[in-house]
């Protein structure tokens, strides 16, 4: 239950930062700009891949496997 609340809170925070960055462009970078900046280097691409796999695996495990 706490893990689900954490994921929803993280999603809400990311969405609110994205909305703020689109409403006031110089205040913060959008998600696309941030990912583009990180993905310019090979290490950044690897970090994005591992982050994506980590989050995907944990969401898959939590919401699709019985008993978790």
C-alpha atoms as a PDB file:
ATOM      1  CA  UNK A   1       0.000   0.000   0.000  1.00  0.00           C
ATOM      2  CA  UNK A   2       2.769   2.451   0.906  1.00  0.00           C
ATOM      3  CA  UNK A   3       4.615   1.590  -2.303  1.00  0.00           C
ATOM      4  CA  UNK A   4       1.525   2.397  -4.364  1.00  0.00           C
ATOM      5  CA  UNK A   5       1.140   5.734  -2.598  1.00  0.00           C
ATOM      6  CA  UNK A   6       4.810   6.470  -3.305  1.00  0.00           C
ATOM      7  CA  UNK A   7       4.408   5.761  -7.046  1.00  0.00           C
ATOM      8  CA  UNK A   8       1.322   7.969  -7.252  1.00  0.00           C
ATOM      9  CA  UNK A   9       3.083  10.763  -5.343  1.00  0.00           C
ATOM     10  CA  UNK A  10       6.101  10.492  -7.645  1.00  0.00           C
ATOM     11  CA  UNK A  11       3.844  10.594 -10.713  1.00  0.00           C
ATOM     12  CA  UNK A  12       1.980  13.636  -9.352  1.00  0.00           C
ATOM     13  CA  UNK A  13       5.258  15.441  -8.631  1.00  0.00           C
ATOM     14  CA  UNK A  14       6.594  14.727 -12.125  1.00  0.00           C
ATOM     15  CA  UNK A  15       3.368  15.861 -13.756  1.00  0.00           C
ATOM     16  CA  UNK A  16       3.250  19.077 -11.731  1.00  0.00           C
ATOM     17  CA  UNK A  17       6.879  19.903 -12.604  1.00  0.00           C
ATOM     18  CA  UNK A  18       6.122  19.217 -16.275  1.00  0.00           C
ATOM     19  CA  UNK A  19       3.054  21.484 -16.222  1.00  0.00           C
ATOM     20  CA  UNK A  20       4.971  24.261 -14.454  1.00  0.00           C
ATOM     21  CA  UNK A  21       7.863  24.024 -16.883  1.00  0.00           C
ATOM     22  CA  UNK A  22       5.510  24.293 -19.841  1.00  0.00           C
ATOM     23  CA  UNK A  23       3.585  27.224 -18.364  1.00  0.00           C
ATOM     24  CA  UNK A  24       6.735  29.168 -17.394  1.00  0.00           C
ATOM     25  CA  UNK A  25       9.537  27.990 -19.727  1.00  0.00           C
ATOM     26  CA  UNK A  26      12.578  29.544 -17.991  1.00  0.00           C
ATOM     27  CA  UNK A  27      11.609  28.129 -14.576  1.00  0.00           C
ATOM     28  CA  UNK A  28      12.523  24.461 -15.157  1.00  0.00           C
ATOM     29  CA  UNK A  29      13.384  22.036 -17.938  1.00  0.00           C
ATOM     30  CA  UNK A  30      10.699  19.775 -19.361  1.00  0.00           C
ATOM     31  CA  UNK A  31      11.030  16.003 -19.171  1.00  0.00           C
ATOM     32  CA  UNK A  32      12.050  15.817 -22.827  1.00  0.00           C
ATOM     33  CA  UNK A  33      14.753  18.462 -22.362  1.00  0.00           C
ATOM     34  CA  UNK A  34      16.072  16.677 -19.277  1.00  0.00           C
ATOM     35  CA  UNK A  35      16.208  13.279 -21.002  1.00  0.00           C
ATOM     36  CA  UNK A  36      17.880  14.830 -24.055  1.00  0.00           C
ATOM     37  CA  UNK A  37      20.527  16.411 -21.834  1.00  0.00           C
ATOM     38  CA  UNK A  38      21.175  13.117 -20.002  1.00  0.00           C
ATOM     39  CA  UNK A  39      21.215  11.036 -23.204  1.00  0.00           C
ATOM     40  CA  UNK A  40      23.971  13.047 -24.887  1.00  0.00           C
ATOM     41  CA  UNK A  41      26.596  10.794 -23.269  1.00  0.00           C
ATOM     42  CA  UNK A  42      26.853   7.004 -23.390  1.00  0.00           C
ATOM     43  CA  UNK A  43      26.844   6.792 -19.583  1.00  0.00           C
ATOM     44  CA  UNK A  44      23.641   8.838 -19.506  1.00  0.00           C
ATOM     45  CA  UNK A  45      21.992   6.515 -22.013  1.00  0.00           C
ATOM     46  CA  UNK A  46      22.959   3.517 -19.883  1.00  0.00           C
ATOM     47  CA  UNK A  47      21.612   5.248 -16.764  1.00  0.00           C
ATOM     48  CA  UNK A  48      18.290   5.998 -18.490  1.00  0.00           C
ATOM     49  CA  UNK A  49      18.047   2.384 -19.679  1.00  0.00           C
ATOM     50  CA  UNK A  50      18.721   0.964 -16.205  1.00  0.00           C
ATOM     51  CA  UNK A  51      16.286   3.432 -14.593  1.00  0.00           C
ATOM     52  CA  UNK A  52      13.592   2.517 -17.116  1.00  0.00           C
ATOM     53  CA  UNK A  53      14.214  -1.213 -16.535  1.00  0.00           C
ATOM     54  CA  UNK A  54      14.244  -0.793 -12.738  1.00  0.00           C
ATOM     55  CA  UNK A  55      10.958   1.116 -12.640  1.00  0.00           C
ATOM     56  CA  UNK A  56       9.327  -1.156 -15.216  1.00  0.00           C
ATOM     57  CA  UNK A  57      10.355  -4.321 -13.418  1.00  0.00           C
ATOM     58  CA  UNK A  58       9.125  -3.069 -10.062  1.00  0.00           C
ATOM     59  CA  UNK A  59       5.792  -1.905 -11.461  1.00  0.00           C
ATOM     60  CA  UNK A  60       5.408  -5.202 -13.350  1.00  0.00           C
ATOM     61  CA  UNK A  61       6.192  -7.213 -10.210  1.00  0.00           C
ATOM     62  CA  UNK A  62       3.898  -5.197  -7.977  1.00  0.00           C
ATOM     63  CA  UNK A  63       0.846  -5.091 -10.219  1.00  0.00           C
ATOM     64  CA  UNK A  64       0.915  -8.301 -12.240  1.00  0.00           C
ATOM     65  CA  UNK A  65       2.318 -11.097 -10.090  1.00  0.00           C
ATOM     66  CA  UNK A  66      -0.095 -12.560  -7.525  1.00  0.00           C
ATOM     67  CA  UNK A  67       0.924 -12.260  -3.909  1.00  0.00           C
ATOM     68  CA  UNK A  68       3.134  -9.163  -4.269  1.00  0.00           C
END
